[in-house]
Structure formats: structure tokens, C-alpha cells
Amino acid sequence: LAYVLDKFPLSREKLAQLLGVSARTVTRWAKAEGGPERREHIERLSRIHEILELGVKVYTTKGLRSFLKTALPEFEHQTAFDMLSIGKFDAVLGALAADYEGAIS
């Protein structure tokens, strides 16, 4: 949890929204240097970490912020953040992977 909060362009509020918990819960986890205990939250945090790590490789931290906030046709004109908020992690990861492949080709 601390790694995601320290290294990536997500506020505690945004991370809480993606995990389906309150910002207060994320703050509590961060202060305790722990993290979620429920499997659902652990899995979501793991997926978010994976997406953010790839996103920084593809876009840099600043570019990833823009990617997360920009409505895209491949997301039916929703943002990547919107897609993550409704649990469509694979769609976002797929878009990032395609951009990554395009960047190294």
C-alpha cells in the first residue's frame, strides 16, 4: 500500500475509491504500515499496482496522470479511472499493454 501511495499518481481518496473503501480506511492502513486484509481489496490493490507500474513505463508519471483522466474511444469515451472504478482492470491493462507494445516496436 505504501509503495502505491508513494510512487504513483493516486491520492488516498482516489485509491480508496478504486478499492471500494473510505479514504479514512486507506489512511488507517497507511499509518499502520499494513494494508487490506480482505481478499477482494488485496486483489484490487495488486491489479492497481500492476496497472500503475506499466503505466509509468509507458507514459511516465505525468503522462499516466493524463491517461487516467482522458476519455478514450477504447473505453467507450470513459476515462481509465472510470473503468478502474467499475472494476474493468483488464480493459485498462490491455490498453496500456497495447501502447507499450507500440512504443517498443
PDB file of N, CA and C in Angstrom:
ATOM      1  N   LEU A   1       0.834  -1.201   0.000  1.00  0.00           N
ATOM      2  CA  LEU A   1       0.000   0.000   0.000  1.00  0.00           C
ATOM      3  C   LEU A   1       0.867   1.249   0.000  1.00  0.00           C
ATOM      4  N   ALA A   2       1.856   1.297   0.869  1.00  0.00           N
ATOM      5  CA  ALA A   2       2.717   2.477   0.936  1.00  0.00           C
ATOM      6  C   ALA A   2       3.425   2.704  -0.391  1.00  0.00           C
ATOM      7  N   TYR A   3       3.831   1.625  -1.052  1.00  0.00           N
ATOM      8  CA  TYR A   3       4.513   1.737  -2.342  1.00  0.00           C
ATOM      9  C   TYR A   3       3.621   2.418  -3.370  1.00  0.00           C
ATOM     10  N   VAL A   4       2.369   2.006  -3.433  1.00  0.00           N
ATOM     11  CA  VAL A   4       1.432   2.615  -4.385  1.00  0.00           C
ATOM     12  C   VAL A   4       1.226   4.087  -4.063  1.00  0.00           C
ATOM     13  N   LEU A   5       1.045   4.406  -2.805  1.00  0.00           N
ATOM     14  CA  LEU A   5       0.818   5.796  -2.414  1.00  0.00           C
ATOM     15  C   LEU A   5       2.046   6.669  -2.644  1.00  0.00           C
ATOM     16  N   ASP A   6       3.235   6.111  -2.429  1.00  0.00           N
ATOM     17  CA  ASP A   6       4.458   6.898  -2.563  1.00  0.00           C
ATOM     18  C   ASP A   6       4.907   7.079  -3.998  1.00  0.00           C
ATOM     19  N   LYS A   7       4.703   6.078  -4.824  1.00  0.00           N
ATOM     20  CA  LYS A   7       5.307   6.068  -6.149  1.00  0.00           C
ATOM     21  C   LYS A   7       4.394   6.464  -7.296  1.00  0.00           C
ATOM     22  N   PHE A   8       3.105   6.437  -7.089  1.00  0.00           N
ATOM     23  CA  PHE A   8       2.213   6.598  -8.219  1.00  0.00           C
ATOM     24  C   PHE A   8       1.255   7.767  -8.043  1.00  0.00           C
ATOM     25  N   PRO A   9       0.706   8.257  -9.169  1.00  0.00           N
ATOM     26  CA  PRO A   9      -0.120   9.466  -9.158  1.00  0.00           C
ATOM     27  C   PRO A   9      -1.560   9.236  -8.708  1.00  0.00           C
ATOM     28  N   LEU A  10      -1.717   8.675  -7.513  1.00  0.00           N
ATOM     29  CA  LEU A  10      -3.058   8.489  -6.957  1.00  0.00           C
ATOM     30  C   LEU A  10      -3.110   9.086  -5.563  1.00  0.00           C
ATOM     31  N   SER A  11      -4.123   9.868  -5.314  1.00  0.00           N
ATOM     32  CA  SER A  11      -4.330  10.363  -3.958  1.00  0.00           C
ATOM     33  C   SER A  11      -4.944   9.238  -3.130  1.00  0.00           C
ATOM     34  N   ARG A  12      -4.943   9.407  -1.842  1.00  0.00           N
ATOM     35  CA  ARG A  12      -5.587   8.412  -0.969  1.00  0.00           C
ATOM     36  C   ARG A  12      -7.073   8.302  -1.291  1.00  0.00           C
ATOM     37  N   GLU A  13      -7.675   9.421  -1.629  1.00  0.00           N
ATOM     38  CA  GLU A  13      -9.099   9.415  -1.954  1.00  0.00           C
ATOM     39  C   GLU A  13      -9.375   8.598  -3.218  1.00  0.00           C
ATOM     40  N   LYS A  14      -8.536   8.799  -4.245  1.00  0.00           N
ATOM     41  CA  LYS A  14      -8.709   8.057  -5.498  1.00  0.00           C
ATOM     42  C   LYS A  14      -8.446   6.570  -5.278  1.00  0.00           C
ATOM     43  N   LEU A  15      -7.394   6.251  -4.534  1.00  0.00           N
ATOM     44  CA  LEU A  15      -7.092   4.859  -4.250  1.00  0.00           C
ATOM     45  C   LEU A  15      -8.235   4.214  -3.474  1.00  0.00           C
ATOM     46  N   ALA A  16      -8.771   4.928  -2.514  1.00  0.00           N
ATOM     47  CA  ALA A  16      -9.902   4.407  -1.733  1.00  0.00           C
ATOM     48  C   ALA A  16     -11.089   4.119  -2.644  1.00  0.00           C
ATOM     49  N   GLN A  17     -11.352   5.016  -3.563  1.00  0.00           N
ATOM     50  CA  GLN A  17     -12.463   4.821  -4.492  1.00  0.00           C
ATOM     51  C   GLN A  17     -12.248   3.558  -5.323  1.00  0.00           C
ATOM     52  N   LEU A  18     -11.034   3.348  -5.799  1.00  0.00           N
ATOM     53  CA  LEU A  18     -10.741   2.172  -6.617  1.00  0.00           C
ATOM     54  C   LEU A  18     -10.813   0.873  -5.819  1.00  0.00           C
ATOM     55  N   LEU A  19     -10.480   0.951  -4.539  1.00  0.00           N
ATOM     56  CA  LEU A  19     -10.513  -0.239  -3.690  1.00  0.00           C
ATOM     57  C   LEU A  19     -11.901  -0.513  -3.115  1.00  0.00           C
ATOM     58  N   GLY A  20     -12.769   0.485  -3.187  1.00  0.00           N
ATOM     59  CA  GLY A  20     -14.113   0.319  -2.644  1.00  0.00           C
ATOM     60  C   GLY A  20     -14.162   0.468  -1.132  1.00  0.00           C
ATOM     61  N   VAL A  21     -13.295   1.340  -0.616  1.00  0.00           N
ATOM     62  CA  VAL A  21     -13.257   1.616   0.818  1.00  0.00           C
ATOM     63  C   VAL A  21     -13.241   3.130   1.008  1.00  0.00           C
ATOM     64  N   SER A  22     -13.264   3.571   2.236  1.00  0.00           N
ATOM     65  CA  SER A  22     -13.204   5.007   2.505  1.00  0.00           C
ATOM     66  C   SER A  22     -11.755   5.488   2.520  1.00  0.00           C
ATOM     67  N   ALA A  23     -11.583   6.778   2.311  1.00  0.00           N
ATOM     68  CA  ALA A  23     -10.243   7.372   2.395  1.00  0.00           C
ATOM     69  C   ALA A  23      -9.690   7.201   3.802  1.00  0.00           C
ATOM     70  N   ARG A  24     -10.555   7.226   4.774  1.00  0.00           N
ATOM     71  CA  ARG A  24     -10.137   7.023   6.165  1.00  0.00           C
ATOM     72  C   ARG A  24      -9.526   5.634   6.350  1.00  0.00           C
ATOM     73  N   THR A  25     -10.100   4.635   5.685  1.00  0.00           N
ATOM     74  CA  THR A  25      -9.563   3.278   5.767  1.00  0.00           C
ATOM     75  C   THR A  25      -8.172   3.212   5.149  1.00  0.00           C
ATOM     76  N   VAL A  26      -7.991   3.850   3.989  1.00  0.00           N
ATOM     77  CA  VAL A  26      -6.674   3.866   3.349  1.00  0.00           C
ATOM     78  C   VAL A  26      -5.669   4.570   4.254  1.00  0.00           C
ATOM     79  N   THR A  27      -6.058   5.659   4.866  1.00  0.00           N
ATOM     80  CA  THR A  27      -5.178   6.372   5.794  1.00  0.00           C
ATOM     81  C   THR A  27      -4.806   5.482   6.976  1.00  0.00           C
ATOM     82  N   ARG A  28      -5.776   4.770   7.501  1.00  0.00           N
ATOM     83  CA  ARG A  28      -5.514   3.860   8.623  1.00  0.00           C
ATOM     84  C   ARG A  28      -4.529   2.762   8.207  1.00  0.00           C
ATOM     85  N   TRP A  29      -4.743   2.186   7.033  1.00  0.00           N
ATOM     86  CA  TRP A  29      -3.825   1.164   6.537  1.00  0.00           C
ATOM     87  C   TRP A  29      -2.419   1.729   6.381  1.00  0.00           C
ATOM     88  N   ALA A  30      -2.327   2.932   5.835  1.00  0.00           N
ATOM     89  CA  ALA A  30      -1.018   3.551   5.595  1.00  0.00           C
ATOM     90  C   ALA A  30      -0.302   3.851   6.905  1.00  0.00           C
ATOM     91  N   LYS A  31      -1.023   4.341   7.900  1.00  0.00           N
ATOM     92  CA  LYS A  31      -0.415   4.655   9.197  1.00  0.00           C
ATOM     93  C   LYS A  31       0.059   3.404   9.914  1.00  0.00           C
ATOM     94  N   ALA A  32      -0.662   2.327   9.734  1.00  0.00           N
ATOM     95  CA  ALA A  32      -0.299   1.072  10.397  1.00  0.00           C
ATOM     96  C   ALA A  32       0.780   0.328   9.612  1.00  0.00           C
ATOM     97  N   GLU A  33       1.208   0.911   8.466  1.00  0.00           N
ATOM     98  CA  GLU A  33       2.168   0.279   7.573  1.00  0.00           C
ATOM     99  C   GLU A  33       1.724  -1.140   7.226  1.00  0.00           C
ATOM    100  N   GLY A  34       0.459  -1.270   7.061  1.00  0.00           N
ATOM    101  CA  GLY A  34      -0.113  -2.557   6.705  1.00  0.00           C
ATOM    102  C   GLY A  34      -0.828  -2.427   5.383  1.00  0.00           C
ATOM    103  N   GLY A  35      -1.959  -3.021   5.326  1.00  0.00           N
ATOM    104  CA  GLY A  35      -2.741  -2.962   4.116  1.00  0.00           C
ATOM    105  C   GLY A  35      -4.030  -3.713   4.329  1.00  0.00           C
ATOM    106  N   PRO A  36      -4.731  -3.903   3.261  1.00  0.00           N
ATOM    107  CA  PRO A  36      -6.018  -4.587   3.369  1.00  0.00           C
ATOM    108  C   PRO A  36      -5.839  -6.053   3.785  1.00  0.00           C
ATOM    109  N   GLU A  37      -6.862  -6.562   4.411  1.00  0.00           N
ATOM    110  CA  GLU A  37      -6.861  -7.969   4.808  1.00  0.00           C
ATOM    111  C   GLU A  37      -7.846  -8.784   3.979  1.00  0.00           C
ATOM    112  N   ARG A  38      -8.892  -8.131   3.508  1.00  0.00           N
ATOM    113  CA  ARG A  38      -9.884  -8.845   2.692  1.00  0.00           C
ATOM    114  C   ARG A  38      -9.308  -9.161   1.323  1.00  0.00           C
ATOM    115  N   ARG A  39      -9.568 -10.369   0.869  1.00  0.00           N
ATOM    116  CA  ARG A  39      -9.029 -10.833  -0.410  1.00  0.00           C
ATOM    117  C   ARG A  39      -9.392  -9.902  -1.566  1.00  0.00           C
ATOM    118  N   GLU A  40     -10.630  -9.454  -1.582  1.00  0.00           N
ATOM    119  CA  GLU A  40     -11.096  -8.558  -2.647  1.00  0.00           C
ATOM    120  C   GLU A  40     -10.234  -7.301  -2.725  1.00  0.00           C
ATOM    121  N   HIS A  41      -9.931  -6.705  -1.575  1.00  0.00           N
ATOM    122  CA  HIS A  41      -9.135  -5.479  -1.550  1.00  0.00           C
ATOM    123  C   HIS A  41      -7.679  -5.760  -1.916  1.00  0.00           C
ATOM    124  N   ILE A  42      -7.164  -6.886  -1.471  1.00  0.00           N
ATOM    125  CA  ILE A  42      -5.785  -7.257  -1.807  1.00  0.00           C
ATOM    126  C   ILE A  42      -5.649  -7.459  -3.310  1.00  0.00           C
ATOM    127  N   GLU A  43      -6.606  -8.147  -3.901  1.00  0.00           N
ATOM    128  CA  GLU A  43      -6.564  -8.388  -5.349  1.00  0.00           C
ATOM    129  C   GLU A  43      -6.665  -7.083  -6.130  1.00  0.00           C
ATOM    130  N   ARG A  44      -7.561  -6.200  -5.706  1.00  0.00           N
ATOM    131  CA  ARG A  44      -7.695  -4.909  -6.390  1.00  0.00           C
ATOM    132  C   ARG A  44      -6.408  -4.089  -6.266  1.00  0.00           C
ATOM    133  N   LEU A  45      -5.823  -4.079  -5.087  1.00  0.00           N
ATOM    134  CA  LEU A  45      -4.587  -3.330  -4.875  1.00  0.00           C
ATOM    135  C   LEU A  45      -3.471  -3.898  -5.755  1.00  0.00           C
ATOM    136  N   SER A  46      -3.410  -5.195  -5.866  1.00  0.00           N
ATOM    137  CA  SER A  46      -2.409  -5.836  -6.705  1.00  0.00           C
ATOM    138  C   SER A  46      -2.591  -5.440  -8.174  1.00  0.00           C
ATOM    139  N   ARG A  47      -3.831  -5.442  -8.641  1.00  0.00           N
ATOM    140  CA  ARG A  47      -4.114  -5.055 -10.034  1.00  0.00           C
ATOM    141  C   ARG A  47      -3.792  -3.582 -10.270  1.00  0.00           C
ATOM    142  N   ILE A  48      -4.141  -2.741  -9.309  1.00  0.00           N
ATOM    143  CA  ILE A  48      -3.846  -1.311  -9.424  1.00  0.00           C
ATOM    144  C   ILE A  48      -2.335  -1.107  -9.506  1.00  0.00           C
ATOM    145  N   HIS A  49      -1.605  -1.812  -8.661  1.00  0.00           N
ATOM    146  CA  HIS A  49      -0.147  -1.722  -8.670  1.00  0.00           C
ATOM    147  C   HIS A  49       0.397  -2.109 -10.041  1.00  0.00           C
ATOM    148  N   GLU A  50      -0.088  -3.205 -10.589  1.00  0.00           N
ATOM    149  CA  GLU A  50       0.345  -3.687 -11.900  1.00  0.00           C
ATOM    150  C   GLU A  50       0.061  -2.641 -12.992  1.00  0.00           C
ATOM    151  N   ILE A  51      -1.128  -2.082 -12.971  1.00  0.00           N
ATOM    152  CA  ILE A  51      -1.522  -1.078 -13.964  1.00  0.00           C
ATOM    153  C   ILE A  51      -0.676   0.185 -13.825  1.00  0.00           C
ATOM    154  N   LEU A  52      -0.477   0.639 -12.613  1.00  0.00           N
ATOM    155  CA  LEU A  52       0.297   1.855 -12.404  1.00  0.00           C
ATOM    156  C   LEU A  52       1.752   1.662 -12.791  1.00  0.00           C
ATOM    157  N   GLU A  53       2.309   0.509 -12.479  1.00  0.00           N
ATOM    158  CA  GLU A  53       3.698   0.245 -12.832  1.00  0.00           C
ATOM    159  C   GLU A  53       3.887   0.244 -14.354  1.00  0.00           C
ATOM    160  N   LEU A  54       3.014  -0.441 -15.071  1.00  0.00           N
ATOM    161  CA  LEU A  54       3.094  -0.455 -16.528  1.00  0.00           C
ATOM    162  C   LEU A  54       2.821   0.941 -17.091  1.00  0.00           C
ATOM    163  N   GLY A  55       1.869   1.632 -16.515  1.00  0.00           N
ATOM    164  CA  GLY A  55       1.534   2.977 -16.971  1.00  0.00           C
ATOM    165  C   GLY A  55       2.695   3.940 -16.873  1.00  0.00           C
ATOM    166  N   VAL A  56       3.472   3.846 -15.817  1.00  0.00           N
ATOM    167  CA  VAL A  56       4.644   4.715 -15.662  1.00  0.00           C
ATOM    168  C   VAL A  56       5.711   4.349 -16.696  1.00  0.00           C
ATOM    169  N   LYS A  57       5.848   3.064 -17.002  1.00  0.00           N
ATOM    170  CA  LYS A  57       6.813   2.652 -18.032  1.00  0.00           C
ATOM    171  C   LYS A  57       6.410   3.206 -19.397  1.00  0.00           C
ATOM    172  N   VAL A  58       5.117   3.185 -19.671  1.00  0.00           N
ATOM    173  CA  VAL A  58       4.632   3.632 -20.980  1.00  0.00           C
ATOM    174  C   VAL A  58       4.622   5.153 -21.079  1.00  0.00           C
ATOM    175  N   TYR A  59       4.137   5.830 -20.051  1.00  0.00           N
ATOM    176  CA  TYR A  59       3.850   7.260 -20.148  1.00  0.00           C
ATOM    177  C   TYR A  59       4.662   8.186 -19.248  1.00  0.00           C
ATOM    178  N   THR A  60       5.381   7.709 -18.288  1.00  0.00           N
ATOM    179  CA  THR A  60       5.969   8.477 -17.186  1.00  0.00           C
ATOM    180  C   THR A  60       4.849   8.820 -16.200  1.00  0.00           C
ATOM    181  N   THR A  61       5.216   9.269 -15.038  1.00  0.00           N
ATOM    182  CA  THR A  61       4.208   9.579 -14.012  1.00  0.00           C
ATOM    183  C   THR A  61       3.257  10.673 -14.477  1.00  0.00           C
ATOM    184  N   LYS A  62       3.798  11.727 -15.065  1.00  0.00           N
ATOM    185  CA  LYS A  62       2.952  12.832 -15.538  1.00  0.00           C
ATOM    186  C   LYS A  62       2.021  12.365 -16.656  1.00  0.00           C
ATOM    187  N   GLY A  63       2.540  11.608 -17.588  1.00  0.00           N
ATOM    188  CA  GLY A  63       1.726  11.099 -18.678  1.00  0.00           C
ATOM    189  C   GLY A  63       0.654  10.140 -18.198  1.00  0.00           C
ATOM    190  N   LEU A  64       0.982   9.359 -17.175  1.00  0.00           N
ATOM    191  CA  LEU A  64      -0.008   8.433 -16.621  1.00  0.00           C
ATOM    192  C   LEU A  64      -1.173   9.196 -16.004  1.00  0.00           C
ATOM    193  N   ARG A  65      -0.884  10.290 -15.347  1.00  0.00           N
ATOM    194  CA  ARG A  65      -1.972  11.120 -14.794  1.00  0.00           C
ATOM    195  C   ARG A  65      -2.941  11.519 -15.901  1.00  0.00           C
ATOM    196  N   SER A  66      -2.388  11.939 -17.020  1.00  0.00           N
ATOM    197  CA  SER A  66      -3.210  12.349 -18.151  1.00  0.00           C
ATOM    198  C   SER A  66      -3.996  11.160 -18.702  1.00  0.00           C
ATOM    199  N   PHE A  67      -3.342  10.021 -18.863  1.00  0.00           N
ATOM    200  CA  PHE A  67      -4.013   8.813 -19.349  1.00  0.00           C
ATOM    201  C   PHE A  67      -5.195   8.449 -18.458  1.00  0.00           C
ATOM    202  N   LEU A  68      -5.009   8.501 -17.156  1.00  0.00           N
ATOM    203  CA  LEU A  68      -6.072   8.119 -16.226  1.00  0.00           C
ATOM    204  C   LEU A  68      -7.278   9.050 -16.305  1.00  0.00           C
ATOM    205  N   LYS A  69      -7.055  10.314 -16.721  1.00  0.00           N
ATOM    206  CA  LYS A  69      -8.127  11.310 -16.724  1.00  0.00           C
ATOM    207  C   LYS A  69      -8.738  11.597 -18.095  1.00  0.00           C
ATOM    208  N   THR A  70      -8.190  10.990 -19.152  1.00  0.00           N
ATOM    209  CA  THR A  70      -8.638  11.297 -20.503  1.00  0.00           C
ATOM    210  C   THR A  70      -9.660  10.271 -20.991  1.00  0.00           C
ATOM    211  N   ALA A  71     -10.801  10.751 -21.450  1.00  0.00           N
ATOM    212  CA  ALA A  71     -11.808   9.853 -22.033  1.00  0.00           C
ATOM    213  C   ALA A  71     -11.273   9.324 -23.362  1.00  0.00           C
ATOM    214  N   LEU A  72     -11.371   8.007 -23.540  1.00  0.00           N
ATOM    215  CA  LEU A  72     -10.809   7.372 -24.734  1.00  0.00           C
ATOM    216  C   LEU A  72     -11.852   6.528 -25.450  1.00  0.00           C
ATOM    217  N   PRO A  73     -11.781   6.487 -26.779  1.00  0.00           N
ATOM    218  CA  PRO A  73     -12.739   5.683 -27.538  1.00  0.00           C
ATOM    219  C   PRO A  73     -12.739   4.207 -27.131  1.00  0.00           C
ATOM    220  N   GLU A  74     -11.554   3.649 -26.833  1.00  0.00           N
ATOM    221  CA  GLU A  74     -11.496   2.233 -26.460  1.00  0.00           C
ATOM    222  C   GLU A  74     -12.186   1.933 -25.128  1.00  0.00           C
ATOM    223  N   PHE A  75     -12.468   2.968 -24.379  1.00  0.00           N
ATOM    224  CA  PHE A  75     -13.221   2.820 -23.128  1.00  0.00           C
ATOM    225  C   PHE A  75     -14.633   3.386 -23.273  1.00  0.00           C
ATOM    226  N   GLU A  76     -15.130   3.395 -24.497  1.00  0.00           N
ATOM    227  CA  GLU A  76     -16.450   3.950 -24.789  1.00  0.00           C
ATOM    228  C   GLU A  76     -16.582   5.383 -24.271  1.00  0.00           C
ATOM    229  N   HIS A  77     -15.523   6.145 -24.494  1.00  0.00           N
ATOM    230  CA  HIS A  77     -15.440   7.561 -24.128  1.00  0.00           C
ATOM    231  C   HIS A  77     -15.520   7.801 -22.628  1.00  0.00           C
ATOM    232  N   GLN A  78     -15.098   6.823 -21.874  1.00  0.00           N
ATOM    233  CA  GLN A  78     -14.907   6.994 -20.435  1.00  0.00           C
ATOM    234  C   GLN A  78     -13.406   7.109 -20.188  1.00  0.00           C
ATOM    235  N   THR A  79     -13.035   7.491 -18.979  1.00  0.00           N
ATOM    236  CA  THR A  79     -11.619   7.574 -18.638  1.00  0.00           C
ATOM    237  C   THR A  79     -11.137   6.223 -18.111  1.00  0.00           C
ATOM    238  N   ALA A  80      -9.828   6.062 -18.089  1.00  0.00           N
ATOM    239  CA  ALA A  80      -9.253   4.848 -17.497  1.00  0.00           C
ATOM    240  C   ALA A  80      -9.642   4.764 -16.024  1.00  0.00           C
ATOM    241  N   PHE A  81      -9.662   5.908 -15.358  1.00  0.00           N
ATOM    242  CA  PHE A  81     -10.063   5.911 -13.954  1.00  0.00           C
ATOM    243  C   PHE A  81     -11.508   5.432 -13.803  1.00  0.00           C
ATOM    244  N   ASP A  82     -12.394   5.864 -14.701  1.00  0.00           N
ATOM    245  CA  ASP A  82     -13.786   5.388 -14.670  1.00  0.00           C
ATOM    246  C   ASP A  82     -13.832   3.878 -14.825  1.00  0.00           C
ATOM    247  N   MET A  83     -13.030   3.372 -15.753  1.00  0.00           N
ATOM    248  CA  MET A  83     -13.002   1.926 -15.995  1.00  0.00           C
ATOM    249  C   MET A  83     -12.509   1.178 -14.757  1.00  0.00           C
ATOM    250  N   LEU A  84     -11.480   1.699 -14.129  1.00  0.00           N
ATOM    251  CA  LEU A  84     -10.972   1.071 -12.911  1.00  0.00           C
ATOM    252  C   LEU A  84     -12.012   1.125 -11.798  1.00  0.00           C
ATOM    253  N   SER A  85     -12.724   2.225 -11.731  1.00  0.00           N
ATOM    254  CA  SER A  85     -13.735   2.393 -10.679  1.00  0.00           C
ATOM    255  C   SER A  85     -14.856   1.368 -10.763  1.00  0.00           C
ATOM    256  N   ILE A  86     -15.106   0.862 -11.980  1.00  0.00           N
ATOM    257  CA  ILE A  86     -16.163  -0.142 -12.131  1.00  0.00           C
ATOM    258  C   ILE A  86     -15.583  -1.556 -12.269  1.00  0.00           C
ATOM    259  N   GLY A  87     -14.288  -1.665 -11.945  1.00  0.00           N
ATOM    260  CA  GLY A  87     -13.670  -2.977 -11.893  1.00  0.00           C
ATOM    261  C   GLY A  87     -13.170  -3.533 -13.212  1.00  0.00           C
ATOM    262  N   LYS A  88     -13.059  -2.688 -14.234  1.00  0.00           N
ATOM    263  CA  LYS A  88     -12.602  -3.161 -15.544  1.00  0.00           C
ATOM    264  C   LYS A  88     -11.082  -3.004 -15.664  1.00  0.00           C
ATOM    265  N   PHE A  89     -10.395  -3.693 -14.777  1.00  0.00           N
ATOM    266  CA  PHE A  89      -8.941  -3.624 -14.723  1.00  0.00           C
ATOM    267  C   PHE A  89      -8.307  -4.175 -15.995  1.00  0.00           C
ATOM    268  N   ASP A  90      -8.864  -5.272 -16.528  1.00  0.00           N
ATOM    269  CA  ASP A  90      -8.288  -5.899 -17.719  1.00  0.00           C
ATOM    270  C   ASP A  90      -8.340  -4.976 -18.933  1.00  0.00           C
ATOM    271  N   ALA A  91      -9.405  -4.190 -19.056  1.00  0.00           N
ATOM    272  CA  ALA A  91      -9.515  -3.264 -20.185  1.00  0.00           C
ATOM    273  C   ALA A  91      -8.413  -2.212 -20.129  1.00  0.00           C
ATOM    274  N   VAL A  92      -8.163  -1.687 -18.940  1.00  0.00           N
ATOM    275  CA  VAL A  92      -7.123  -0.665 -18.776  1.00  0.00           C
ATOM    276  C   VAL A  92      -5.746  -1.284 -18.987  1.00  0.00           C
ATOM    277  N   LEU A  93      -5.525  -2.439 -18.408  1.00  0.00           N
ATOM    278  CA  LEU A  93      -4.247  -3.117 -18.578  1.00  0.00           C
ATOM    279  C   LEU A  93      -4.007  -3.452 -20.053  1.00  0.00           C
ATOM    280  N   GLY A  94      -5.049  -3.876 -20.747  1.00  0.00           N
ATOM    281  CA  GLY A  94      -4.934  -4.179 -22.167  1.00  0.00           C
ATOM    282  C   GLY A  94      -4.562  -2.961 -22.992  1.00  0.00           C
ATOM    283  N   ALA A  95      -5.172  -1.827 -22.689  1.00  0.00           N
ATOM    284  CA  ALA A  95      -4.853  -0.590 -23.410  1.00  0.00           C
ATOM    285  C   ALA A  95      -3.405  -0.169 -23.155  1.00  0.00           C
ATOM    286  N   LEU A  96      -2.976  -0.282 -21.916  1.00  0.00           N
ATOM    287  CA  LEU A  96      -1.591   0.051 -21.590  1.00  0.00           C
ATOM    288  C   LEU A  96      -0.617  -0.909 -22.265  1.00  0.00           C
ATOM    289  N   ALA A  97      -0.948  -2.185 -22.258  1.00  0.00           N
ATOM    290  CA  ALA A  97      -0.080  -3.181 -22.896  1.00  0.00           C
ATOM    291  C   ALA A  97       0.039  -2.907 -24.397  1.00  0.00           C
ATOM    292  N   ALA A  98      -1.066  -2.548 -25.031  1.00  0.00           N
ATOM    293  CA  ALA A  98      -1.037  -2.225 -26.467  1.00  0.00           C
ATOM    294  C   ALA A  98      -0.165  -0.994 -26.716  1.00  0.00           C
ATOM    295  N   ASP A  99      -0.287   0.013 -25.873  1.00  0.00           N
ATOM    296  CA  ASP A  99       0.535   1.204 -26.023  1.00  0.00           C
ATOM    297  C   ASP A  99       2.005   0.887 -25.783  1.00  0.00           C
ATOM    298  N   TYR A 100       2.273   0.013 -24.835  1.00  0.00           N
ATOM    299  CA  TYR A 100       3.638  -0.408 -24.539  1.00  0.00           C
ATOM    300  C   TYR A 100       4.237  -1.145 -25.736  1.00  0.00           C
ATOM    301  N   GLU A 101       3.467  -2.065 -26.290  1.00  0.00           N
ATOM    302  CA  GLU A 101       3.925  -2.803 -27.476  1.00  0.00           C
ATOM    303  C   GLU A 101       4.191  -1.863 -28.636  1.00  0.00           C
ATOM    304  N   GLY A 102       3.315  -0.881 -28.819  1.00  0.00           N
ATOM    305  CA  GLY A 102       3.510   0.104 -29.876  1.00  0.00           C
ATOM    306  C   GLY A 102       4.742   0.956 -29.658  1.00  0.00           C
ATOM    307  N   ALA A 103       5.045   1.231 -28.414  1.00  0.00           N
ATOM    308  CA  ALA A 103       6.192   2.080 -28.095  1.00  0.00           C
ATOM    309  C   ALA A 103       7.521   1.365 -28.327  1.00  0.00           C
ATOM    310  N   ILE A 104       7.538   0.043 -28.150  1.00  0.00           N
ATOM    311  CA  ILE A 104       8.804  -0.669 -28.317  1.00  0.00           C
ATOM    312  C   ILE A 104       8.964  -1.273 -29.709  1.00  0.00           C
ATOM    313  N   SER A 105       7.934  -1.163 -30.536  1.00  0.00           N
ATOM    314  CA  SER A 105       8.029  -1.715 -31.901  1.00  0.00           C
ATOM    315  C   SER A 105       8.836  -0.833 -32.806  1.00  0.00           C
TER     316      SER A 105
END
